[in-house]
Each structure stands twice: as C-alpha cells, then as structure tokens.
Amino acid sequence: MQIYNKLINGTKRGAEFIFIKCIFANMKLVLLIIYCCFFSVSYSQLIDYKKINSFTINELNEKWKSASVPKIITPINYSIDIYDVLYYTEWHDGSMIKASGLYFVPNKTEASPLLVYNHGTRVDPKNRDIDCNREGLICAIFSTDGYAVIVPDYVGLGRGEKIHLYMHSESEANASVYFMKAIEAVNESLKFKLNKQLFLTGYSQGGHSTLALHQKIQEEYYVDYKVTASSPMSGPYDPLDVQEKVMFNHYTQPHYLPYLLISYNEVYNMLPKESFYDIFKHPYDSIILNCFSKEKSFTTHDPLEEINNLLPNIPANMIREDVVELYKTDYNFLKIFLQENSVYDWKPESPVQLCYCKSDEEVLYQNSLLAYNVMRKNGAKNITKQCVSRKYNHVECAGFSAIHTKYFFDSFRKGSVKGRKGPILKRMIIKLAKLFR
C-alpha cells in the first residue's frame, strides 16, 4: 500500500526505487522457491530401495565360466551388489506413477561413472534378470569393472504401475531420467560416489530408448547432466520407413505389432478403447487381449516365444484388411505416431557409436545406417558405426555388441575425448572368437 500511495502521489523516483527493491526481494524469494522445488524433485523421486542380490568375485568367475566369457577381454575387478529401486516417473498424461529398476553397484571406494543400460523388449512384468543370466550379465560385465549401472524396467514393467508403453520414446526417456534422479538419494544413503561421467547404452528396444534418452538429456536436462558418450545397439530407430517392412513379410517376432498398437492406442487414442481389439481378426483378437493383459501368467521361461507361437508369421495378417488399408492410405491413423517416435533425426553433441549386425532378422541394420547418415548430415561430428558381424542374428549380436560398447566407453575413462575402439590385442581375440562360433 505504501508503494501504491507514493506512485499515485507523484513521488515517482522514490516509488520506483522502492518498487525495484520489492521486485528484487520477490525475485530472491521466487528463485529460492524454484531452487527448493528442484532440489526436492531430485530427491523425492525415490520411494524405496532394497538389496536383492550380491555376487562375490568367485561367484562372478563361475558366471563368466558358465557363459563362456573370457576374463582376458572382460576383467572381474570388483564384487557387486544389486538393488531393486522403486521411484516416481511420468505417465504419458504428465501424472506421476510408480516405476522400478535395478541398480548394479560395484564394491569400491573410488568414484564410479554412471551407466544407463536400457533392456530389450519384455512382456512379462515379473521377468527381471536379477541373477545375471541374460542382459543382467551384460550389466555385471560393466559393474564388476567399476561402472555403476542402472537398468530401468520402463513404465508398466517390474514393480511399476500402469501398462508398458512399448516403443514410446518419451516414456522410455523419462523412466531413465527420473531413475537417475532417484539414484542420487540411493547413493547418499549408501555413501557411494559417482564421478562426472555418464554413459548410455541398450540393446534392441533398449537401443531405441538410448537415443531417446540421449536426446532428452541434451535438449531438456543439459543443466543437470552431460552425456559422456552413448552406444545404442541394434535399435529400431526408424519404426516408420525402415522397420515397417518386417510387418508385411515373414517375421520371427510378430508380437511386436500388437504390442506397439496397444501402446500407441493408450497414448494417442487412435481408436475407442472399448472396440480397440476389433481391429484384429478372429481368433487373434482374443489371443492378443489375453497375452498382453498385465494379469497374464506365462507358462514357459520365454514369454515372447509363447506369444509368437500363437500369431501369424506375417504380422499384418492378424489385422483386418480394412484397417491395413487405412494404415496405407491415411498418414494420420498410425504413421504420424511412428514418425513421432523415430529417434534418429537430431544432432548429438556427445560421441555416439551405433552397433549393429548385418544378418539381424529382428531389427534391420538399416536403422543404424540411417541414424548414422542423418546425424552426420545434421552436423554431428563424433558419430561412428560399428558393424559387429555380418553373420550374427539378433540374439547372437547382443553379447559382442556389448563388448564393443564397453571398449568404446572404457576409452573415455582412460582420457579419450572422441572415443576409441579398444585395445588391439583384445579386439583380435574378439575376432578370433567370432570365427569359431
């Protein structure tokens, strides 16, 4: 009121001075509120965490032996603990929901680099590799050499709420970003230290998630994080033009199509939910409804194979002809959303290595070549491509891609700025191993 009275009484100069002081005082208050909100967001992401597994060096030696992993190319330097972390992330409407992930922690005192590993496609929420037999072994290979590794379950998987939004780049990236924030509180509790290096990688769907995460950090979280390097592996970076081809031909993984349609209908409301499953021919409508229910209990150790065996070898054949025709003629029906979730058309500022295999029958290697060419055209300087093998299929490609990724990341830990392929001797051993597989 005093400021207002001086203004209307003509004491302009004094009023301006008081008014400016008031603004600055309020600005300090606003900045303090913003800082407190940001600080609390960083630390309030965490809900809980608990140790669920541990591996001694001797136990890891046995793991390496049973998996035929030569220690000469992947050393075992630390025992590791695995934690199950529950935290908050965003649902597609912006509301906060529960999500979960695994945290592989090496038992060491020196500060560690943080590595985000995005796993491949899963349909069973309970199917988490806490025993390090599949992709968990890849995470253990990094962790026992000093990397702290977080593995988001993604939205809807693990202990998370809602359904999984398959191939939805925004929720994939958010699951990792919010997990990274939650880990700050976990590390404080464990008294575990991270250094400033941040590495991103993942295989198959995880490759798609890796590029989505890298772009999101660069464009939205550059104040909080800086990516040291990323190495997406065999990902479907272009679901519209490149990966679309497998839907109309004989394909080993027909489950990808209904999984994607269910996800995109949840996010984009393409069709009324009560009639969504009518787009599938009988009996696939009821089969798909049952297989992708969150309450589904799978009877085998391989849920994806269990679903694939119930679906046609040509994925498009499970869809009604009029819906297929709508897809072909109306860009706004589905293609616009596939384009929205493509993750290759941008300019990474940090080094990127794209790993792929030319005989990959699940994720076409042309995804990696397209990403490489477009990123280079956009002006990215440190983009490399790594053809892991000309003969390996999708499953066989994973392990060797992870080794090439590790050597690439290791080079930054040893001082490289742009990244290197790794020690010549170890690369020669890998080549020999490929010859005799």
Protein backbone atom coordinates (compact mmCIF):
# COMPACT_ATOMS: atom_id res chain seq x y z
CA MET A 1 0.00 0.00 0.00
CA GLN A 2 2.86 2.42 0.77
CA ILE A 3 4.33 1.88 -2.71
CA TYR A 4 0.92 2.38 -4.27
CA ASN A 5 0.33 5.67 -2.34
CA LYS A 6 3.70 7.10 -3.39
CA LEU A 7 3.04 6.22 -7.01
CA ILE A 8 -0.31 7.95 -7.13
CA ASN A 9 1.04 10.97 -5.18
CA GLY A 10 3.66 11.65 -7.82
CA THR A 11 6.78 10.75 -5.88
CA LYS A 12 7.84 8.79 -8.89
CA ARG A 13 11.58 8.41 -8.35
CA GLY A 14 11.33 7.22 -4.77
CA ALA A 15 8.48 4.95 -5.66
CA GLU A 16 10.45 3.40 -8.49
CA PHE A 17 13.34 2.73 -6.15
CA ILE A 18 11.10 1.08 -3.56
CA PHE A 19 9.25 -0.82 -6.31
CA ILE A 20 12.52 -2.16 -7.75
CA LYS A 21 13.68 -3.21 -4.28
CA CYS A 22 10.40 -5.01 -3.84
CA ILE A 23 10.82 -6.81 -7.18
CA PHE A 24 14.36 -7.91 -6.29
CA ALA A 25 13.21 -9.13 -2.89
CA ASN A 26 10.40 -11.10 -4.52
CA MET A 27 12.77 -12.43 -7.18
CA LYS A 28 15.01 -13.79 -4.43
CA LEU A 29 12.01 -15.47 -2.89
CA VAL A 30 10.92 -16.91 -6.26
CA LEU A 31 14.43 -18.18 -7.01
CA LEU A 32 14.61 -19.74 -3.56
CA ILE A 33 11.28 -21.47 -4.16
CA ILE A 34 12.43 -22.69 -7.60
CA TYR A 35 15.68 -24.00 -6.12
CA CYS A 36 13.86 -25.76 -3.28
CA CYS A 37 11.37 -27.28 -5.70
CA PHE A 38 14.14 -28.51 -7.98
CA PHE A 39 16.13 -29.88 -5.06
CA SER A 40 13.10 -31.66 -3.64
CA VAL A 41 12.17 -33.09 -7.05
CA SER A 42 15.66 -34.55 -7.40
CA TYR A 43 15.43 -36.30 -4.06
CA SER A 44 11.69 -37.04 -3.84
CA GLN A 45 11.73 -39.35 -6.88
CA LEU A 46 12.86 -42.22 -4.67
CA ILE A 47 10.18 -44.33 -2.97
CA ASP A 48 12.27 -47.19 -1.63
CA TYR A 49 15.18 -49.47 -2.41
CA LYS A 50 16.48 -52.80 -1.15
CA LYS A 51 19.39 -55.12 -1.86
CA ILE A 52 18.13 -58.21 -3.70
CA ASN A 53 21.33 -59.95 -4.81
CA SER A 54 25.11 -59.95 -4.43
CA PHE A 55 27.95 -61.61 -6.29
CA THR A 56 31.43 -62.21 -4.92
CA ILE A 57 34.41 -62.26 -7.26
CA ASN A 58 34.46 -66.07 -7.04
CA GLU A 59 30.78 -66.25 -7.95
CA LEU A 60 31.37 -63.91 -10.88
CA ASN A 61 34.22 -66.12 -12.02
CA GLU A 62 31.75 -69.01 -12.15
CA LYS A 63 29.26 -66.84 -14.07
CA TRP A 64 31.92 -65.95 -16.63
CA LYS A 65 32.90 -69.61 -16.97
CA SER A 66 29.35 -70.91 -17.46
CA ALA A 67 28.63 -68.18 -20.01
CA SER A 68 31.97 -68.73 -21.83
CA VAL A 69 33.04 -65.13 -21.24
CA PRO A 70 36.87 -64.83 -21.42
CA LYS A 71 38.19 -62.78 -18.50
CA ILE A 72 41.01 -61.55 -20.71
CA ILE A 73 38.50 -59.38 -22.61
CA THR A 74 36.14 -58.60 -19.71
CA PRO A 75 38.03 -58.43 -16.38
CA ILE A 76 36.49 -59.07 -12.96
CA ASN A 77 37.77 -56.40 -10.58
CA TYR A 78 35.00 -55.88 -8.00
CA SER A 79 32.26 -57.82 -6.30
CA ILE A 80 28.83 -56.30 -6.95
CA ASP A 81 25.52 -55.72 -5.17
CA ILE A 82 22.19 -55.44 -6.96
CA TYR A 83 19.42 -53.20 -5.62
CA ASP A 84 15.74 -53.05 -6.55
CA VAL A 85 14.69 -49.39 -6.70
CA LEU A 86 11.13 -48.04 -6.73
CA TYR A 87 10.67 -44.42 -7.79
CA TYR A 88 8.29 -41.96 -9.44
CA THR A 89 8.26 -41.18 -13.15
CA GLU A 90 5.76 -39.63 -15.59
CA TRP A 91 2.80 -41.31 -17.23
CA HIS A 92 2.01 -40.14 -20.76
CA ASP A 93 -0.53 -37.60 -19.45
CA GLY A 94 2.06 -35.96 -17.17
CA SER A 95 0.82 -37.51 -13.93
CA MET A 96 3.31 -39.23 -11.63
CA ILE A 97 3.30 -43.02 -11.34
CA LYS A 98 5.49 -45.67 -9.75
CA ALA A 99 8.28 -47.26 -11.78
CA SER A 100 11.12 -49.57 -10.87
CA GLY A 101 14.58 -50.61 -11.93
CA LEU A 102 17.73 -52.46 -10.94
CA TYR A 103 20.93 -50.85 -9.71
CA PHE A 104 24.25 -52.70 -10.08
CA VAL A 105 26.80 -51.28 -7.64
CA PRO A 106 30.49 -52.25 -7.61
CA ASN A 107 32.04 -52.58 -4.15
CA LYS A 108 34.72 -49.89 -4.41
CA THR A 109 35.66 -46.67 -2.66
CA GLU A 110 36.69 -44.57 -5.68
CA ALA A 111 34.02 -42.59 -7.54
CA SER A 112 32.40 -44.51 -10.41
CA PRO A 113 30.97 -43.46 -13.77
CA LEU A 114 27.21 -43.92 -14.14
CA LEU A 115 25.96 -46.13 -16.96
CA VAL A 116 22.30 -46.38 -18.01
CA TYR A 117 21.51 -49.74 -19.59
CA ASN A 118 18.15 -49.96 -21.41
CA HIS A 119 16.98 -53.54 -21.80
CA GLY A 120 15.32 -55.19 -24.80
CA THR A 121 11.64 -55.98 -25.29
CA ARG A 122 9.81 -57.71 -22.43
CA VAL A 123 6.13 -58.50 -21.96
CA ASP A 124 6.16 -60.19 -18.56
CA PRO A 125 6.44 -57.55 -15.82
CA LYS A 126 7.91 -60.10 -13.42
CA ASN A 127 10.64 -61.22 -15.84
CA ARG A 128 13.65 -59.34 -14.41
CA ASP A 129 17.19 -60.64 -14.70
CA ILE A 130 18.41 -60.31 -11.12
CA ASP A 131 20.57 -63.46 -11.47
CA CYS A 132 22.71 -62.08 -14.31
CA ASN A 133 21.91 -64.79 -16.83
CA ARG A 134 20.83 -62.66 -19.82
CA GLU A 135 21.09 -58.89 -20.16
CA GLY A 136 21.90 -58.81 -16.46
CA LEU A 137 25.19 -60.47 -17.37
CA ILE A 138 25.97 -57.50 -19.64
CA CYS A 139 25.29 -55.16 -16.73
CA ALA A 140 27.50 -57.26 -14.46
CA ILE A 141 30.34 -57.10 -17.01
CA PHE A 142 30.27 -53.31 -16.74
CA SER A 143 29.67 -53.15 -13.00
CA THR A 144 32.46 -55.53 -11.97
CA ASP A 145 34.85 -53.28 -13.87
CA GLY A 146 33.82 -50.22 -11.87
CA TYR A 147 30.69 -48.86 -13.59
CA ALA A 148 27.57 -48.10 -11.52
CA VAL A 149 24.77 -49.41 -13.74
CA ILE A 150 21.08 -48.53 -13.59
CA VAL A 151 18.56 -50.62 -15.55
CA PRO A 152 15.10 -49.02 -15.83
CA ASP A 153 12.25 -51.53 -16.09
CA TYR A 154 10.40 -48.88 -18.17
CA VAL A 155 6.83 -47.81 -17.44
CA GLY A 156 4.49 -50.71 -16.65
CA LEU A 157 7.16 -53.37 -16.11
CA GLY A 158 8.91 -54.64 -12.99
CA ARG A 159 7.13 -53.26 -9.92
CA GLY A 160 5.72 -50.31 -11.84
CA GLU A 161 2.15 -49.13 -12.31
CA LYS A 162 0.04 -48.96 -15.48
CA ILE A 163 0.84 -50.83 -18.69
CA HIS A 164 4.07 -50.79 -20.65
CA LEU A 165 4.17 -48.14 -23.40
CA TYR A 166 6.19 -50.11 -25.92
CA MET A 167 8.36 -48.03 -28.29
CA HIS A 168 7.09 -44.76 -26.81
CA SER A 169 10.20 -42.62 -26.78
CA GLU A 170 9.00 -40.05 -24.23
CA SER A 171 8.16 -42.57 -21.50
CA GLU A 172 11.33 -44.57 -22.24
CA ALA A 173 13.46 -41.48 -21.73
CA ASN A 174 11.53 -40.32 -18.67
CA ALA A 175 11.95 -43.70 -16.99
CA SER A 176 15.72 -43.26 -17.17
CA VAL A 177 15.88 -39.57 -16.26
CA TYR A 178 13.74 -39.98 -13.15
CA PHE A 179 15.68 -43.11 -12.19
CA MET A 180 18.90 -41.10 -12.42
CA LYS A 181 17.38 -38.54 -10.05
CA ALA A 182 16.25 -41.25 -7.62
CA ILE A 183 19.73 -42.77 -7.61
CA GLU A 184 21.12 -39.55 -6.12
CA ALA A 185 19.22 -40.32 -2.91
CA VAL A 186 20.21 -44.01 -3.00
CA ASN A 187 23.88 -43.11 -3.37
CA GLU A 188 23.68 -40.66 -0.50
CA SER A 189 22.25 -43.39 1.70
CA LEU A 190 24.85 -45.94 0.57
CA LYS A 191 27.65 -43.36 0.74
CA PHE A 192 28.52 -44.38 -2.80
CA LYS A 193 30.23 -41.81 -5.03
CA LEU A 194 29.76 -41.09 -8.73
CA ASN A 195 32.13 -39.09 -10.88
CA LYS A 196 31.02 -36.77 -13.70
CA GLN A 197 30.99 -39.37 -16.49
CA LEU A 198 27.65 -40.57 -17.84
CA PHE A 199 27.32 -43.38 -20.40
CA LEU A 200 24.14 -44.56 -22.14
CA THR A 201 23.56 -47.86 -23.90
CA GLY A 202 20.94 -50.54 -24.52
CA TYR A 203 20.03 -53.31 -26.92
CA SER A 204 17.09 -53.74 -29.31
CA GLN A 205 14.21 -51.70 -27.83
CA GLY A 206 16.93 -50.54 -25.45
CA GLY A 207 18.83 -49.06 -28.41
CA HIS A 208 15.74 -47.03 -29.29
CA SER A 209 15.42 -45.98 -25.64
CA THR A 210 19.10 -44.98 -25.54
CA LEU A 211 18.82 -42.46 -28.37
CA ALA A 212 15.54 -41.14 -26.93
CA LEU A 213 17.26 -40.63 -23.57
CA HIS A 214 20.38 -39.05 -25.08
CA GLN A 215 18.26 -36.52 -26.98
CA LYS A 216 16.11 -35.71 -23.95
CA ILE A 217 19.13 -35.10 -21.71
CA GLN A 218 20.79 -32.91 -24.34
CA GLU A 219 17.68 -30.81 -25.02
CA GLU A 220 15.94 -30.69 -21.62
CA TYR A 221 18.32 -31.77 -18.83
CA TYR A 222 21.62 -30.26 -20.01
CA VAL A 223 21.95 -28.28 -16.75
CA ASP A 224 21.76 -31.44 -14.63
CA TYR A 225 23.58 -33.98 -16.80
CA LYS A 226 26.08 -34.18 -19.61
CA VAL A 227 26.35 -37.36 -21.64
CA THR A 228 29.95 -38.52 -21.97
CA ALA A 229 29.06 -40.96 -24.77
CA SER A 230 26.28 -43.27 -25.89
CA SER A 231 26.34 -46.58 -27.72
CA PRO A 232 22.88 -47.71 -28.86
CA MET A 233 22.90 -51.30 -30.11
CA SER A 234 20.67 -52.76 -32.83
CA GLY A 235 17.71 -50.48 -32.16
CA PRO A 236 14.60 -49.77 -34.30
CA TYR A 237 15.37 -46.07 -34.58
CA ASP A 238 13.05 -45.62 -37.58
CA PRO A 239 9.84 -47.56 -36.89
CA LEU A 240 8.07 -45.89 -39.82
CA ASP A 241 10.08 -46.41 -43.00
CA VAL A 242 12.82 -48.94 -42.15
CA GLN A 243 11.36 -51.23 -39.51
CA GLU A 244 7.86 -51.15 -41.03
CA LYS A 245 8.98 -53.56 -43.76
CA VAL A 246 9.06 -56.58 -41.44
CA MET A 247 5.34 -56.25 -40.73
CA PHE A 248 4.40 -57.28 -44.27
CA ASN A 249 6.82 -60.18 -44.64
CA HIS A 250 7.65 -63.46 -42.92
CA TYR A 251 8.93 -62.44 -39.49
CA THR A 252 10.15 -64.29 -36.42
CA GLN A 253 8.73 -61.76 -33.93
CA PRO A 254 5.09 -60.99 -34.81
CA HIS A 255 4.35 -59.93 -31.22
CA TYR A 256 5.97 -56.55 -31.88
CA LEU A 257 2.98 -55.34 -33.92
CA PRO A 258 0.15 -55.82 -31.38
CA TYR A 259 2.45 -54.65 -28.57
CA LEU A 260 3.08 -51.40 -30.42
CA LEU A 261 -0.58 -50.89 -31.37
CA ILE A 262 -1.74 -51.38 -27.78
CA SER A 263 0.88 -48.88 -26.60
CA TYR A 264 0.09 -46.19 -29.16
CA ASN A 265 -3.66 -46.52 -28.71
CA GLU A 266 -3.17 -45.88 -24.99
CA VAL A 267 -1.11 -42.76 -25.65
CA TYR A 268 -2.73 -41.32 -28.79
CA ASN A 269 -6.34 -42.60 -28.60
CA MET A 270 -6.35 -43.78 -32.20
CA LEU A 271 -9.46 -45.90 -31.60
CA PRO A 272 -12.07 -46.17 -28.82
CA LYS A 273 -10.64 -48.45 -26.13
CA GLU A 274 -13.82 -50.49 -25.84
CA SER A 275 -13.60 -51.52 -29.52
CA PHE A 276 -9.81 -51.47 -29.98
CA TYR A 277 -9.34 -55.25 -30.20
CA ASP A 278 -11.86 -55.38 -33.06
CA ILE A 279 -9.05 -54.34 -35.42
CA PHE A 280 -7.62 -57.86 -35.07
CA LYS A 281 -9.01 -60.81 -36.99
CA HIS A 282 -10.54 -63.68 -35.07
CA PRO A 283 -9.09 -65.54 -33.14
CA TYR A 284 -6.20 -63.09 -32.75
CA ASP A 285 -8.44 -60.51 -31.08
CA SER A 286 -8.99 -62.69 -28.01
CA ILE A 287 -5.45 -64.13 -28.12
CA ILE A 288 -3.88 -60.66 -28.06
CA LEU A 289 -6.26 -59.39 -25.37
CA ASN A 290 -5.22 -62.31 -23.17
CA CYS A 291 -1.47 -62.30 -23.93
CA PHE A 292 -0.93 -58.61 -23.28
CA SER A 293 -3.00 -58.40 -20.12
CA LYS A 294 -0.95 -57.36 -17.09
CA GLU A 295 -2.53 -60.26 -15.19
CA LYS A 296 -1.30 -62.81 -17.75
CA SER A 297 0.70 -65.71 -16.28
CA PHE A 298 3.13 -67.25 -18.75
CA THR A 299 3.78 -70.98 -18.67
CA THR A 300 7.26 -71.01 -20.22
CA HIS A 301 10.59 -69.30 -19.50
CA ASP A 302 10.28 -67.37 -22.79
CA PRO A 303 7.04 -65.31 -22.84
CA LEU A 304 7.86 -63.74 -26.22
CA GLU A 305 8.17 -67.14 -27.88
CA GLU A 306 4.96 -68.22 -26.19
CA ILE A 307 3.10 -65.29 -27.77
CA ASN A 308 4.83 -65.61 -31.15
CA ASN A 309 3.67 -69.22 -31.46
CA LEU A 310 0.06 -68.04 -31.31
CA LEU A 311 0.38 -65.36 -34.01
CA PRO A 312 0.76 -65.50 -37.82
CA ASN A 313 4.24 -65.47 -39.38
CA ILE A 314 3.33 -62.36 -41.38
CA PRO A 315 2.31 -59.84 -38.71
CA ALA A 316 -0.04 -57.81 -40.92
CA ASN A 317 -2.16 -60.93 -41.38
CA MET A 318 -3.51 -60.61 -37.84
CA ILE A 319 -5.08 -57.23 -38.73
CA ARG A 320 -8.37 -56.73 -40.59
CA GLU A 321 -7.85 -55.81 -44.25
CA ASP A 322 -9.76 -52.54 -43.98
CA VAL A 323 -7.51 -51.44 -41.09
CA VAL A 324 -4.39 -52.35 -43.07
CA GLU A 325 -5.75 -50.29 -45.97
CA LEU A 326 -6.43 -47.37 -43.61
CA TYR A 327 -2.82 -47.55 -42.43
CA LYS A 328 -1.55 -47.45 -46.01
CA THR A 329 -3.73 -44.54 -47.13
CA ASP A 330 -4.15 -42.33 -44.03
CA TYR A 331 -0.91 -40.89 -42.61
CA ASN A 332 -2.77 -39.61 -39.55
CA PHE A 333 -4.00 -43.04 -38.48
CA LEU A 334 -0.71 -44.57 -37.26
CA LYS A 335 2.18 -43.38 -39.38
CA ILE A 336 2.23 -39.95 -37.76
CA PHE A 337 2.84 -41.59 -34.38
CA LEU A 338 5.54 -43.89 -35.72
CA GLN A 339 7.25 -40.79 -37.09
CA GLU A 340 6.87 -39.02 -33.74
CA ASN A 341 8.67 -41.90 -32.04
CA SER A 342 11.56 -42.06 -34.51
CA VAL A 343 14.75 -41.13 -32.66
CA TYR A 344 17.43 -40.60 -35.32
CA ASP A 345 16.80 -37.14 -36.80
CA TRP A 346 18.72 -34.79 -34.48
CA LYS A 347 22.28 -33.65 -33.81
CA PRO A 348 24.07 -35.31 -30.87
CA GLU A 349 26.73 -33.15 -29.26
CA SER A 350 28.39 -36.07 -27.44
CA PRO A 351 30.03 -39.04 -29.18
CA VAL A 352 27.72 -41.83 -30.37
CA GLN A 353 28.67 -45.34 -31.50
CA LEU A 354 25.98 -47.29 -33.40
CA CYS A 355 26.41 -51.09 -33.15
CA TYR A 356 24.60 -53.49 -35.49
CA CYS A 357 24.81 -56.87 -37.25
CA LYS A 358 24.03 -57.27 -40.93
CA SER A 359 22.18 -60.58 -40.51
CA ASP A 360 19.91 -59.26 -37.78
CA GLU A 361 16.47 -60.61 -38.73
CA GLU A 362 14.55 -58.80 -35.97
CA VAL A 363 15.83 -55.22 -36.11
CA LEU A 364 17.03 -54.33 -39.59
CA TYR A 365 20.58 -52.97 -39.64
CA GLN A 366 19.47 -50.19 -41.98
CA ASN A 367 18.11 -48.45 -38.85
CA SER A 368 21.70 -47.87 -37.73
CA LEU A 369 22.93 -46.77 -41.14
CA LEU A 370 20.07 -44.28 -41.47
CA ALA A 371 20.77 -42.85 -38.00
CA TYR A 372 24.47 -42.54 -38.82
CA ASN A 373 23.87 -40.77 -42.14
CA VAL A 374 21.18 -38.39 -40.88
CA MET A 375 23.12 -37.41 -37.75
CA ARG A 376 26.20 -36.73 -39.83
CA LYS A 377 24.10 -34.66 -42.24
CA ASN A 378 22.70 -32.71 -39.27
CA GLY A 379 26.24 -31.72 -38.34
CA ALA A 380 27.13 -34.24 -35.62
CA LYS A 381 30.90 -34.73 -35.64
CA ASN A 382 31.60 -37.73 -33.41
CA ILE A 383 29.28 -40.39 -34.81
CA THR A 384 30.74 -43.81 -35.54
CA LYS A 385 29.19 -47.06 -36.75
CA GLN A 386 30.36 -50.49 -35.66
CA CYS A 387 29.38 -53.48 -37.76
CA VAL A 388 29.74 -56.18 -35.12
CA SER A 389 29.22 -59.06 -37.53
CA ARG A 390 27.94 -59.84 -41.00
CA LYS A 391 26.56 -63.25 -39.98
CA TYR A 392 25.08 -62.90 -36.47
CA ASN A 393 21.34 -62.82 -35.89
CA HIS A 394 19.66 -60.55 -33.34
CA VAL A 395 20.34 -62.73 -30.30
CA GLU A 396 23.93 -63.58 -31.26
CA CYS A 397 24.70 -59.92 -31.92
CA ALA A 398 23.92 -58.77 -28.38
CA GLY A 399 26.94 -60.06 -26.44
CA PHE A 400 29.58 -58.92 -28.91
CA SER A 401 27.86 -55.52 -29.31
CA ALA A 402 28.12 -55.10 -25.54
CA ILE A 403 31.87 -55.84 -25.63
CA HIS A 404 32.43 -53.28 -28.39
CA THR A 405 30.38 -50.81 -26.36
CA LYS A 406 32.45 -51.44 -23.25
CA TYR A 407 35.73 -50.85 -25.07
CA PHE A 408 34.29 -47.64 -26.52
CA PHE A 409 33.24 -46.40 -23.07
CA ASP A 410 36.49 -47.57 -21.44
CA SER A 411 38.45 -45.31 -23.78
CA PHE A 412 36.73 -42.24 -22.28
CA ARG A 413 37.64 -43.42 -18.79
CA LYS A 414 41.25 -43.52 -19.99
CA GLY A 415 41.16 -39.94 -21.26
CA SER A 416 39.83 -40.14 -24.84
CA VAL A 417 37.63 -37.25 -25.94
CA LYS A 418 36.13 -38.76 -29.10
CA GLY A 419 36.28 -42.45 -28.19
CA ARG A 420 38.34 -45.36 -29.47
CA LYS A 421 37.54 -48.93 -30.50
CA GLY A 422 39.62 -50.52 -27.74
CA PRO A 423 42.94 -52.35 -27.28
CA ILE A 424 44.16 -54.02 -30.46
CA LEU A 425 45.02 -57.32 -28.74
CA LYS A 426 41.58 -57.66 -27.21
CA ARG A 427 39.90 -56.79 -30.49
CA MET A 428 41.95 -59.51 -32.20
CA ILE A 429 40.78 -62.02 -29.59
CA ILE A 430 37.18 -60.99 -30.25
CA LYS A 431 37.67 -61.51 -33.99
CA LEU A 432 39.05 -65.00 -33.36
CA ALA A 433 36.11 -65.78 -31.08
CA LYS A 434 33.71 -64.75 -33.84
CA LEU A 435 35.42 -67.02 -36.35
CA PHE A 436 34.94 -70.10 -34.21
CA ARG A 437 31.32 -69.51 -33.22
